[in-house]
Amino acid sequence: MSKYSSSAHQRPKPKRDRIPPLVRGIGCIMFVLVPIVAYGIARAVVPLTVRWGLPIPIQWFGLPNIRFSVPNLPFLVELVDLLRKENNLTANLVFAVIITVLLYGLMTIVFGYAYSVTAPSQYGPMDVPPPRVKTKKYRR
């Protein structure tokens, strides 16, 4: 046993900040909601890309060429038939992925800024503030 410690009474270590359950719930909802919103935005943007003159491969437009056999499960057959009838599916999915990445990046910046504004101080009541020292450039 060291000179400065005692086995009689030790303070419990403070618990680290944990993410509140409400914030975790919002994160789960956003994890599902953002790709759905991105697909909706992509469906609105893809027809405009031709007018804007963006260089997009022509194979992405039109009805998708889905060639695979489906087991005899009714919901899978209906899903594949629905996907085969979707116009510009490949272009919509590519743009949805790009928009999803951009939306998540924007949300990261916004939530990071909001946390930096509303976060508690990094110093506790027992901490000494950092020294305010102005150093001069060393000359020989």
C-alpha atoms as a PDB file:
ATOM      1  CA  MET A   1       0.000   0.000   0.000  1.00  0.00           C
ATOM      2  CA  SER A   2       1.385   3.350  -0.954  1.00  0.00           C
ATOM      3  CA  LYS A   3       1.900   6.337   1.272  1.00  0.00           C
ATOM      4  CA  TYR A   4      -0.957   8.425  -0.132  1.00  0.00           C
ATOM      5  CA  SER A   5      -3.685   5.851  -0.566  1.00  0.00           C
ATOM      6  CA  SER A   6      -5.994   4.325   1.966  1.00  0.00           C
ATOM      7  CA  SER A   7      -8.064   1.193   1.812  1.00  0.00           C
ATOM      8  CA  ALA A   8     -10.603   2.636   4.237  1.00  0.00           C
ATOM      9  CA  HIS A   9     -12.497   4.919   1.874  1.00  0.00           C
ATOM     10  CA  GLN A  10     -12.107   5.384  -1.847  1.00  0.00           C
ATOM     11  CA  ARG A  11     -14.287   7.619  -3.929  1.00  0.00           C
ATOM     12  CA  PRO A  12     -16.175   5.905  -6.734  1.00  0.00           C
ATOM     13  CA  LYS A  13     -15.025   6.873 -10.195  1.00  0.00           C
ATOM     14  CA  PRO A  14     -17.466   9.167 -11.962  1.00  0.00           C
ATOM     15  CA  LYS A  15     -19.465   7.502 -14.715  1.00  0.00           C
ATOM     16  CA  ARG A  16     -18.712   8.544 -18.219  1.00  0.00           C
ATOM     17  CA  ASP A  17     -21.370  10.453 -20.076  1.00  0.00           C
ATOM     18  CA  ARG A  18     -23.692   8.076 -21.819  1.00  0.00           C
ATOM     19  CA  ILE A  19     -25.923   8.776 -24.784  1.00  0.00           C
ATOM     20  CA  PRO A  20     -29.491   9.373 -23.601  1.00  0.00           C
ATOM     21  CA  PRO A  21     -32.053   6.830 -24.833  1.00  0.00           C
ATOM     22  CA  LEU A  22     -34.036   9.547 -26.621  1.00  0.00           C
ATOM     23  CA  VAL A  23     -31.011  10.477 -28.717  1.00  0.00           C
ATOM     24  CA  ARG A  24     -30.394   6.813 -29.540  1.00  0.00           C
ATOM     25  CA  GLY A  25     -34.033   6.505 -30.626  1.00  0.00           C
ATOM     26  CA  ILE A  26     -33.712   9.528 -32.892  1.00  0.00           C
ATOM     27  CA  GLY A  27     -30.558   7.983 -34.375  1.00  0.00           C
ATOM     28  CA  CYS A  28     -32.392   4.734 -35.136  1.00  0.00           C
ATOM     29  CA  ILE A  29     -35.244   6.610 -36.802  1.00  0.00           C
ATOM     30  CA  MET A  30     -32.799   8.682 -38.857  1.00  0.00           C
ATOM     31  CA  PHE A  31     -30.953   5.504 -39.884  1.00  0.00           C
ATOM     32  CA  VAL A  32     -34.168   4.338 -41.594  1.00  0.00           C
ATOM     33  CA  LEU A  33     -35.628   7.697 -42.604  1.00  0.00           C
ATOM     34  CA  VAL A  34     -32.621   9.282 -44.368  1.00  0.00           C
ATOM     35  CA  PRO A  35     -32.270   6.610 -47.114  1.00  0.00           C
ATOM     36  CA  ILE A  36     -36.024   6.752 -47.779  1.00  0.00           C
ATOM     37  CA  VAL A  37     -35.925  10.548 -48.099  1.00  0.00           C
ATOM     38  CA  ALA A  38     -32.798  10.278 -50.260  1.00  0.00           C
ATOM     39  CA  TYR A  39     -34.559   7.877 -52.630  1.00  0.00           C
ATOM     40  CA  GLY A  40     -37.482  10.302 -52.898  1.00  0.00           C
ATOM     41  CA  ILE A  41     -35.111  13.168 -53.676  1.00  0.00           C
ATOM     42  CA  ALA A  42     -33.292  10.974 -56.218  1.00  0.00           C
ATOM     43  CA  ARG A  43     -36.558  10.192 -58.006  1.00  0.00           C
ATOM     44  CA  ALA A  44     -37.134  13.937 -58.333  1.00  0.00           C
ATOM     45  CA  VAL A  45     -33.548  14.740 -59.401  1.00  0.00           C
ATOM     46  CA  VAL A  46     -32.914  11.965 -61.963  1.00  0.00           C
ATOM     47  CA  PRO A  47     -35.325  13.373 -64.608  1.00  0.00           C
ATOM     48  CA  LEU A  48     -33.662  16.774 -64.211  1.00  0.00           C
ATOM     49  CA  THR A  49     -30.169  15.411 -64.876  1.00  0.00           C
ATOM     50  CA  VAL A  50     -30.910  15.050 -68.591  1.00  0.00           C
ATOM     51  CA  ARG A  51     -31.999  18.690 -68.736  1.00  0.00           C
ATOM     52  CA  TRP A  52     -28.873  19.776 -66.815  1.00  0.00           C
ATOM     53  CA  GLY A  53     -26.642  17.805 -69.170  1.00  0.00           C
ATOM     54  CA  LEU A  54     -24.836  15.715 -66.554  1.00  0.00           C
ATOM     55  CA  PRO A  55     -22.691  12.934 -68.040  1.00  0.00           C
ATOM     56  CA  ILE A  56     -24.583   9.855 -66.836  1.00  0.00           C
ATOM     57  CA  PRO A  57     -24.289   6.422 -68.490  1.00  0.00           C
ATOM     58  CA  ILE A  58     -27.276   5.693 -70.712  1.00  0.00           C
ATOM     59  CA  GLN A  59     -27.532   2.155 -69.301  1.00  0.00           C
ATOM     60  CA  TRP A  60     -28.776   3.591 -66.000  1.00  0.00           C
ATOM     61  CA  PHE A  61     -31.965   4.897 -67.607  1.00  0.00           C
ATOM     62  CA  GLY A  62     -35.034   2.940 -68.622  1.00  0.00           C
ATOM     63  CA  LEU A  63     -36.426  -0.266 -67.224  1.00  0.00           C
ATOM     64  CA  PRO A  64     -33.923  -2.397 -65.298  1.00  0.00           C
ATOM     65  CA  ASN A  65     -32.721  -5.637 -66.797  1.00  0.00           C
ATOM     66  CA  ILE A  66     -33.162  -7.981 -63.824  1.00  0.00           C
ATOM     67  CA  ARG A  67     -32.287 -11.563 -64.780  1.00  0.00           C
ATOM     68  CA  PHE A  68     -32.538 -14.028 -61.966  1.00  0.00           C
ATOM     69  CA  SER A  69     -34.970 -16.705 -61.030  1.00  0.00           C
ATOM     70  CA  VAL A  70     -37.061 -16.246 -57.945  1.00  0.00           C
ATOM     71  CA  PRO A  71     -38.154 -19.070 -55.661  1.00  0.00           C
ATOM     72  CA  ASN A  72     -41.856 -19.701 -55.636  1.00  0.00           C
ATOM     73  CA  LEU A  73     -42.561 -17.288 -52.796  1.00  0.00           C
ATOM     74  CA  PRO A  74     -45.432 -14.933 -53.627  1.00  0.00           C
ATOM     75  CA  PHE A  75     -44.014 -11.826 -51.934  1.00  0.00           C
ATOM     76  CA  LEU A  76     -40.616 -12.242 -53.661  1.00  0.00           C
ATOM     77  CA  VAL A  77     -42.244 -12.706 -57.069  1.00  0.00           C
ATOM     78  CA  GLU A  78     -44.324  -9.566 -56.546  1.00  0.00           C
ATOM     79  CA  LEU A  79     -41.283  -7.610 -55.372  1.00  0.00           C
ATOM     80  CA  VAL A  80     -39.199  -8.579 -58.411  1.00  0.00           C
ATOM     81  CA  ASP A  81     -42.104  -7.774 -60.736  1.00  0.00           C
ATOM     82  CA  LEU A  82     -42.439  -4.389 -59.052  1.00  0.00           C
ATOM     83  CA  LEU A  83     -38.705  -3.722 -59.465  1.00  0.00           C
ATOM     84  CA  ARG A  84     -38.805  -4.767 -63.132  1.00  0.00           C
ATOM     85  CA  LYS A  85     -41.520  -2.161 -63.759  1.00  0.00           C
ATOM     86  CA  GLU A  86     -39.628   0.670 -61.991  1.00  0.00           C
ATOM     87  CA  ASN A  87     -38.313   3.183 -64.514  1.00  0.00           C
ATOM     88  CA  ASN A  88     -34.706   4.485 -64.072  1.00  0.00           C
ATOM     89  CA  LEU A  89     -34.121   2.180 -61.084  1.00  0.00           C
ATOM     90  CA  THR A  90     -30.332   2.066 -61.437  1.00  0.00           C
ATOM     91  CA  ALA A  91     -29.982   5.842 -61.740  1.00  0.00           C
ATOM     92  CA  ASN A  92     -32.374   6.340 -58.816  1.00  0.00           C
ATOM     93  CA  LEU A  93     -30.366   3.966 -56.598  1.00  0.00           C
ATOM     94  CA  VAL A  94     -27.004   5.514 -57.513  1.00  0.00           C
ATOM     95  CA  PHE A  95     -28.261   9.014 -56.831  1.00  0.00           C
ATOM     96  CA  ALA A  96     -29.967   7.847 -53.622  1.00  0.00           C
ATOM     97  CA  VAL A  97     -26.637   6.506 -52.317  1.00  0.00           C
ATOM     98  CA  ILE A  98     -24.875   9.774 -53.161  1.00  0.00           C
ATOM     99  CA  ILE A  99     -27.623  11.853 -51.558  1.00  0.00           C
ATOM    100  CA  THR A 100     -27.624   9.593 -48.478  1.00  0.00           C
ATOM    101  CA  VAL A 101     -23.897  10.165 -47.975  1.00  0.00           C
ATOM    102  CA  LEU A 102     -24.366  13.928 -48.399  1.00  0.00           C
ATOM    103  CA  LEU A 103     -27.312  14.018 -45.968  1.00  0.00           C
ATOM    104  CA  TYR A 104     -25.414  12.038 -43.325  1.00  0.00           C
ATOM    105  CA  GLY A 105     -22.417  14.341 -43.753  1.00  0.00           C
ATOM    106  CA  LEU A 106     -24.614  17.416 -43.377  1.00  0.00           C
ATOM    107  CA  MET A 107     -26.286  15.937 -40.300  1.00  0.00           C
ATOM    108  CA  THR A 108     -22.872  15.154 -38.789  1.00  0.00           C
ATOM    109  CA  ILE A 109     -21.772  18.751 -39.217  1.00  0.00           C
ATOM    110  CA  VAL A 110     -25.033  20.135 -37.795  1.00  0.00           C
ATOM    111  CA  PHE A 111     -25.103  17.768 -34.799  1.00  0.00           C
ATOM    112  CA  GLY A 112     -21.384  18.355 -34.142  1.00  0.00           C
ATOM    113  CA  TYR A 113     -21.915  22.102 -34.083  1.00  0.00           C
ATOM    114  CA  ALA A 114     -25.007  21.757 -31.888  1.00  0.00           C
ATOM    115  CA  TYR A 115     -23.079  19.561 -29.459  1.00  0.00           C
ATOM    116  CA  SER A 116     -20.173  22.007 -29.299  1.00  0.00           C
ATOM    117  CA  VAL A 117     -22.609  24.815 -28.464  1.00  0.00           C
ATOM    118  CA  THR A 118     -24.627  22.893 -25.872  1.00  0.00           C
ATOM    119  CA  ALA A 119     -21.930  20.615 -24.411  1.00  0.00           C
ATOM    120  CA  PRO A 120     -20.900  20.973 -20.797  1.00  0.00           C
ATOM    121  CA  SER A 121     -17.564  22.542 -20.018  1.00  0.00           C
ATOM    122  CA  GLN A 122     -14.605  20.245 -20.466  1.00  0.00           C
ATOM    123  CA  TYR A 123     -13.263  21.416 -17.119  1.00  0.00           C
ATOM    124  CA  GLY A 124     -14.930  20.442 -13.868  1.00  0.00           C
ATOM    125  CA  PRO A 125     -15.264  22.597 -10.748  1.00  0.00           C
ATOM    126  CA  MET A 126     -12.048  21.155  -9.296  1.00  0.00           C
ATOM    127  CA  ASP A 127      -9.918  21.774 -12.407  1.00  0.00           C
ATOM    128  CA  VAL A 128      -7.496  24.620 -12.747  1.00  0.00           C
ATOM    129  CA  PRO A 129      -7.989  26.679 -15.901  1.00  0.00           C
ATOM    130  CA  PRO A 130      -5.272  26.320 -18.539  1.00  0.00           C
ATOM    131  CA  PRO A 131      -2.396  28.771 -18.158  1.00  0.00           C
ATOM    132  CA  ARG A 132      -2.448  31.896 -20.275  1.00  0.00           C
ATOM    133  CA  VAL A 133       1.154  32.095 -21.284  1.00  0.00           C
ATOM    134  CA  LYS A 134       2.415  34.142 -24.170  1.00  0.00           C
ATOM    135  CA  THR A 135       5.692  32.797 -25.415  1.00  0.00           C
ATOM    136  CA  LYS A 136       8.201  34.742 -27.416  1.00  0.00           C
ATOM    137  CA  LYS A 137      10.056  33.326 -30.343  1.00  0.00           C
ATOM    138  CA  TYR A 138      13.469  32.052 -29.277  1.00  0.00           C
ATOM    139  CA  ARG A 139      16.391  33.810 -30.939  1.00  0.00           C
ATOM    140  CA  ARG A 140      19.932  32.716 -30.686  1.00  0.00           C
END
